[in-house]
Amino acid sequence: MKETRDFDPKQAAKKLLREGRSGALATLMPSSGDPYCSLVNVATDAAGAPLMLLSTLAIHTKNLAADNRVSLMLDERKDGDPLEGARIMLMGSCSKTPSSSASSMYLRRHPEAELFAGFKDFAFYRIDITKAHLVAGFGRIVDLTPQDILADVSDAQPLLEATDDAIAHMNADHAEACRLYATKLLGAADGDWRCAAIDPEGIELQNGRTALWLPFPQRVTAPGPLRAVLKQLAEQARAR
């Protein structure tokens, strides 16, 4: 395992998780044990664990029914040689999630999926990460644990309960702040940037299929501190 002095592998991994919108899902064929890889759209839950909307008609879902061990690769989709960009390989098990919030979390990232999300053969699945392997450039190859890359939500129930309203409020009344976060604080091109998710450690912004994650200066677990942090970030963005 190698690290460079100015490189934070945990933060780099969290960024890839939050900004990923599609990835390569590897499952195991039940008849032979051979690996099977497919392209899937992904989102994340409040902790950062991957969420997927899968059909029982798909081969990968049939594979999961027999053996739910998976690997998922996400990459930053940079221009140029893809091997020069960062990517993370997640290993774990994948099962249907009973979470009532999985639908809203996923559909905010993939609104086009509303057309078929209610079909009987579709369900939301969550990957329970057991290991992660980050490749972020020369000398930046690191093995990580779930604790390294997932946000602690054990004390953040007040924030989680307010998240849907907070996101709707940001997009309805503070769309300009979202645009400033993306363009002034993250260096993105101007566009229709909207809030797609909020977690204890940051806010997720999206413009079309492009997503950016802005870490908070400090962890938040309730609506009051969230408002204070978002105001602080907006003031920083306007000052630039």
Protein backbone atom coordinates (compact mmCIF):
# COMPACT_ATOMS: atom_id res chain seq x y z
CA MET A 1 0.00 0.00 0.00
CA LYS A 2 1.40 3.37 -1.02
CA GLU A 3 0.29 6.89 -0.18
CA THR A 4 1.66 10.33 -1.01
CA ARG A 5 1.94 13.02 1.60
CA ASP A 6 -0.78 15.33 0.25
CA PHE A 7 -3.22 12.57 -0.66
CA ASP A 8 -6.26 11.66 1.47
CA PRO A 9 -7.41 8.23 0.24
CA LYS A 10 -10.53 8.19 2.43
CA GLN A 11 -11.74 11.51 1.03
CA ALA A 12 -10.89 10.44 -2.53
CA ALA A 13 -12.90 7.24 -2.08
CA LYS A 14 -15.90 9.08 -0.65
CA LYS A 15 -15.82 11.49 -3.59
CA LEU A 16 -15.90 8.60 -6.09
CA LEU A 17 -18.80 6.97 -4.23
CA ARG A 18 -20.88 10.14 -4.07
CA GLU A 19 -20.21 11.27 -7.62
CA GLY A 20 -20.57 7.90 -9.35
CA ARG A 21 -23.64 7.52 -11.54
CA SER A 22 -22.84 4.25 -13.28
CA GLY A 23 -20.41 1.41 -12.82
CA ALA A 24 -19.43 -2.14 -13.68
CA LEU A 25 -21.19 -4.74 -11.53
CA ALA A 26 -19.61 -8.20 -11.30
CA THR A 27 -21.72 -11.17 -10.16
CA LEU A 28 -21.22 -14.95 -10.27
CA MET A 29 -23.00 -17.30 -12.67
CA PRO A 30 -24.69 -20.01 -10.57
CA SER A 31 -24.14 -22.84 -13.04
CA SER A 32 -20.38 -22.40 -13.47
CA GLY A 33 -19.17 -19.81 -10.96
CA ASP A 34 -17.83 -17.74 -13.84
CA PRO A 35 -17.74 -13.96 -13.30
CA TYR A 36 -20.38 -11.93 -15.14
CA CYS A 37 -20.01 -8.18 -15.57
CA SER A 38 -22.73 -5.69 -16.46
CA LEU A 39 -23.18 -1.92 -16.63
CA VAL A 40 -25.54 -0.51 -13.99
CA ASN A 41 -26.68 2.90 -12.83
CA VAL A 42 -25.89 3.65 -9.20
CA ALA A 43 -26.72 6.08 -6.41
CA THR A 44 -25.79 6.08 -2.72
CA ASP A 45 -27.68 6.02 0.54
CA ALA A 46 -27.04 8.47 3.38
CA ALA A 47 -23.98 6.54 4.52
CA GLY A 48 -22.54 6.27 1.02
CA ALA A 49 -23.38 2.62 0.29
CA PRO A 50 -24.29 1.97 -3.37
CA LEU A 51 -27.94 1.68 -4.39
CA MET A 52 -29.15 0.11 -7.63
CA LEU A 53 -32.51 -0.42 -9.29
CA LEU A 54 -32.49 -3.94 -10.74
CA SER A 55 -34.93 -6.10 -12.64
CA THR A 56 -35.47 -9.77 -11.82
CA LEU A 57 -35.33 -10.39 -15.58
CA ALA A 58 -31.68 -9.32 -15.74
CA ILE A 59 -28.92 -11.94 -15.59
CA HIS A 60 -27.09 -10.12 -12.80
CA THR A 61 -30.20 -10.18 -10.60
CA LYS A 62 -30.69 -13.88 -11.23
CA ASN A 63 -27.06 -14.39 -10.26
CA LEU A 64 -27.65 -12.48 -7.01
CA ALA A 65 -30.52 -14.79 -6.10
CA ALA A 66 -28.08 -17.69 -6.06
CA ASP A 67 -24.99 -15.92 -4.65
CA ASN A 68 -25.17 -12.31 -3.53
CA ARG A 69 -21.42 -11.67 -3.53
CA VAL A 70 -20.54 -8.78 -5.86
CA SER A 71 -17.88 -6.36 -6.91
CA LEU A 72 -18.64 -2.87 -8.22
CA MET A 73 -16.17 -0.59 -9.96
CA LEU A 74 -16.73 3.17 -10.12
CA ASP A 75 -14.45 5.61 -11.92
CA GLU A 76 -14.28 9.37 -12.25
CA ARG A 77 -14.86 9.35 -16.05
CA LYS A 78 -12.13 11.87 -16.86
CA ASP A 79 -11.26 12.89 -20.41
CA GLY A 80 -8.25 11.19 -21.92
CA ASP A 81 -6.75 7.86 -20.89
CA PRO A 82 -9.23 6.27 -18.42
CA LEU A 83 -6.36 4.43 -16.75
CA GLU A 84 -4.99 7.78 -15.58
CA GLY A 85 -8.19 8.54 -13.70
CA ALA A 86 -9.20 7.44 -10.22
CA ARG A 87 -11.36 4.36 -9.66
CA ILE A 88 -12.53 2.31 -6.75
CA MET A 89 -13.40 -1.38 -6.57
CA LEU A 90 -15.97 -2.29 -3.95
CA MET A 91 -16.48 -5.83 -2.71
CA GLY A 92 -19.36 -7.11 -0.60
CA SER A 93 -22.84 -8.56 -0.76
CA CYS A 94 -25.89 -7.17 -2.51
CA SER A 95 -29.50 -7.60 -1.41
CA LYS A 96 -32.88 -5.94 -1.74
CA THR A 97 -33.10 -3.02 0.63
CA PRO A 98 -36.13 -2.52 2.88
CA SER A 99 -35.32 1.18 3.18
CA SER A 100 -38.30 3.40 2.40
CA SER A 101 -35.95 6.21 1.37
CA ALA A 102 -34.06 4.21 -1.27
CA SER A 103 -36.54 5.20 -3.97
CA SER A 104 -36.22 8.97 -3.44
CA MET A 105 -32.44 8.73 -3.06
CA TYR A 106 -32.09 6.84 -6.33
CA LEU A 107 -34.66 8.74 -8.39
CA ARG A 108 -33.20 12.13 -7.52
CA ARG A 109 -29.99 10.95 -9.19
CA HIS A 110 -31.77 9.08 -12.02
CA PRO A 111 -35.13 10.81 -12.63
CA GLU A 112 -35.56 8.95 -15.93
CA ALA A 113 -35.98 5.73 -13.93
CA GLU A 114 -39.36 6.95 -12.65
CA LEU A 115 -40.80 5.53 -15.89
CA PHE A 116 -40.15 1.94 -14.79
CA ALA A 117 -39.24 2.02 -11.08
CA GLY A 118 -42.76 0.93 -10.18
CA PHE A 119 -42.80 -2.14 -12.42
CA LYS A 120 -43.28 -5.41 -10.53
CA ASP A 121 -39.99 -6.90 -11.70
CA PHE A 122 -37.91 -3.96 -10.39
CA ALA A 123 -36.60 -3.46 -6.86
CA PHE A 124 -33.93 -1.41 -5.11
CA TYR A 125 -30.76 -3.16 -4.00
CA ARG A 126 -28.00 -2.05 -1.65
CA ILE A 127 -24.39 -3.23 -1.51
CA ASP A 128 -23.08 -4.01 1.95
CA ILE A 129 -19.41 -3.16 1.47
CA THR A 130 -16.81 -5.41 3.10
CA LYS A 131 -13.66 -4.22 1.31
CA ALA A 132 -12.57 -1.46 -1.05
CA HIS A 133 -9.53 -1.00 -3.29
CA LEU A 134 -8.72 2.53 -4.48
CA VAL A 135 -6.50 3.30 -7.46
CA ALA A 136 -6.05 7.05 -7.76
CA GLY A 137 -2.81 7.38 -9.71
CA PHE A 138 0.86 6.52 -9.38
CA GLY A 139 1.73 5.81 -5.76
CA ARG A 140 -1.93 6.18 -4.78
CA ILE A 141 -3.10 2.57 -4.44
CA VAL A 142 -4.82 1.89 -1.14
CA ASP A 143 -6.96 -0.84 0.45
CA LEU A 144 -9.76 0.60 2.57
CA THR A 145 -12.35 -0.65 5.04
CA PRO A 146 -16.06 0.21 5.12
CA GLN A 147 -15.37 2.45 8.14
CA ASP A 148 -12.88 4.40 6.01
CA ILE A 149 -15.34 5.30 3.27
CA LEU A 150 -18.85 5.27 4.73
CA ALA A 151 -20.33 8.15 6.72
CA ASP A 152 -21.42 7.51 10.29
CA VAL A 153 -25.18 8.08 10.41
CA SER A 154 -25.81 6.51 13.82
CA ASP A 155 -26.44 9.91 15.46
CA ALA A 156 -27.80 11.73 12.41
CA GLN A 157 -31.47 10.71 12.47
CA PRO A 158 -32.69 14.35 12.82
CA LEU A 159 -30.77 15.22 9.65
CA LEU A 160 -31.94 12.13 7.76
CA GLU A 161 -35.59 12.87 8.59
CA ALA A 162 -35.23 16.42 7.28
CA THR A 163 -33.20 15.61 4.15
CA ASP A 164 -36.06 15.43 1.63
CA ASP A 165 -37.46 18.79 2.74
CA ALA A 166 -33.99 20.34 2.84
CA ILE A 167 -33.21 19.23 -0.71
CA ALA A 168 -36.56 20.47 -2.00
CA HIS A 169 -35.99 23.81 -0.23
CA MET A 170 -32.51 24.19 -1.70
CA ASN A 171 -33.73 23.54 -5.23
CA ALA A 172 -36.83 25.75 -4.94
CA ASP A 173 -35.41 28.71 -3.02
CA HIS A 174 -31.62 28.47 -3.18
CA ALA A 175 -30.84 27.21 -6.68
CA GLU A 176 -28.35 30.06 -7.09
CA ALA A 177 -26.44 28.85 -4.03
CA CYS A 178 -26.21 25.36 -5.55
CA ARG A 179 -24.82 26.86 -8.75
CA LEU A 180 -22.27 28.88 -6.77
CA TYR A 181 -21.19 25.83 -4.77
CA ALA A 182 -20.46 23.98 -8.02
CA THR A 183 -18.84 26.79 -10.00
CA LYS A 184 -17.02 28.80 -7.32
CA LEU A 185 -16.08 26.16 -4.75
CA LEU A 186 -15.62 23.12 -7.00
CA GLY A 187 -14.53 24.80 -10.23
CA ALA A 188 -17.29 23.34 -12.41
CA ALA A 189 -18.63 24.88 -15.59
CA ASP A 190 -21.81 26.91 -15.24
CA GLY A 191 -25.06 25.03 -15.63
CA ASP A 192 -28.32 23.96 -14.02
CA TRP A 193 -26.73 22.67 -10.82
CA ARG A 194 -29.20 21.28 -8.31
CA CYS A 195 -29.00 19.56 -4.95
CA ALA A 196 -29.29 15.78 -5.37
CA ALA A 197 -28.41 14.61 -1.86
CA ILE A 198 -27.28 15.72 1.58
CA ASP A 199 -25.38 13.54 4.03
CA PRO A 200 -23.65 14.29 7.35
CA GLU A 201 -20.38 15.00 5.55
CA GLY A 202 -21.38 16.93 2.45
CA ILE A 203 -23.82 18.03 -0.23
CA GLU A 204 -24.19 16.40 -3.64
CA LEU A 205 -24.79 18.58 -6.67
CA GLN A 206 -25.94 17.42 -10.09
CA ASN A 207 -26.17 18.89 -13.57
CA GLY A 208 -27.60 16.39 -16.04
CA ARG A 209 -25.55 13.21 -15.59
CA THR A 210 -22.62 15.03 -13.97
CA ALA A 211 -22.38 14.96 -10.18
CA LEU A 212 -20.07 16.71 -7.71
CA TRP A 213 -19.72 16.23 -3.97
CA LEU A 214 -18.84 19.20 -1.77
CA PRO A 215 -17.55 18.15 1.67
CA PHE A 216 -18.74 20.17 4.65
CA PRO A 217 -16.16 21.96 6.81
CA GLN A 218 -17.56 19.99 9.75
CA ARG A 219 -19.90 17.06 10.18
CA VAL A 220 -23.61 17.87 10.65
CA THR A 221 -26.32 15.71 12.20
CA ALA A 222 -29.36 18.01 12.46
CA PRO A 223 -31.22 20.66 10.38
CA GLY A 224 -29.96 23.65 12.40
CA PRO A 225 -26.25 22.96 11.89
CA LEU A 226 -26.99 22.08 8.26
CA ARG A 227 -28.50 25.52 7.60
CA ALA A 228 -25.48 27.17 9.23
CA VAL A 229 -22.99 25.21 7.14
CA LEU A 230 -24.88 25.81 3.87
CA LYS A 231 -25.01 29.53 4.64
CA GLN A 232 -21.29 29.54 5.42
CA LEU A 233 -20.47 27.82 2.13
CA ALA A 234 -22.70 30.22 0.18
CA GLU A 235 -20.90 33.18 1.71
CA GLN A 236 -17.54 31.67 0.79
CA ALA A 237 -18.73 31.09 -2.78
CA ARG A 238 -20.03 34.65 -3.17
CA ALA A 239 -16.77 36.04 -1.81
CA ARG A 240 -14.95 34.37 -4.69
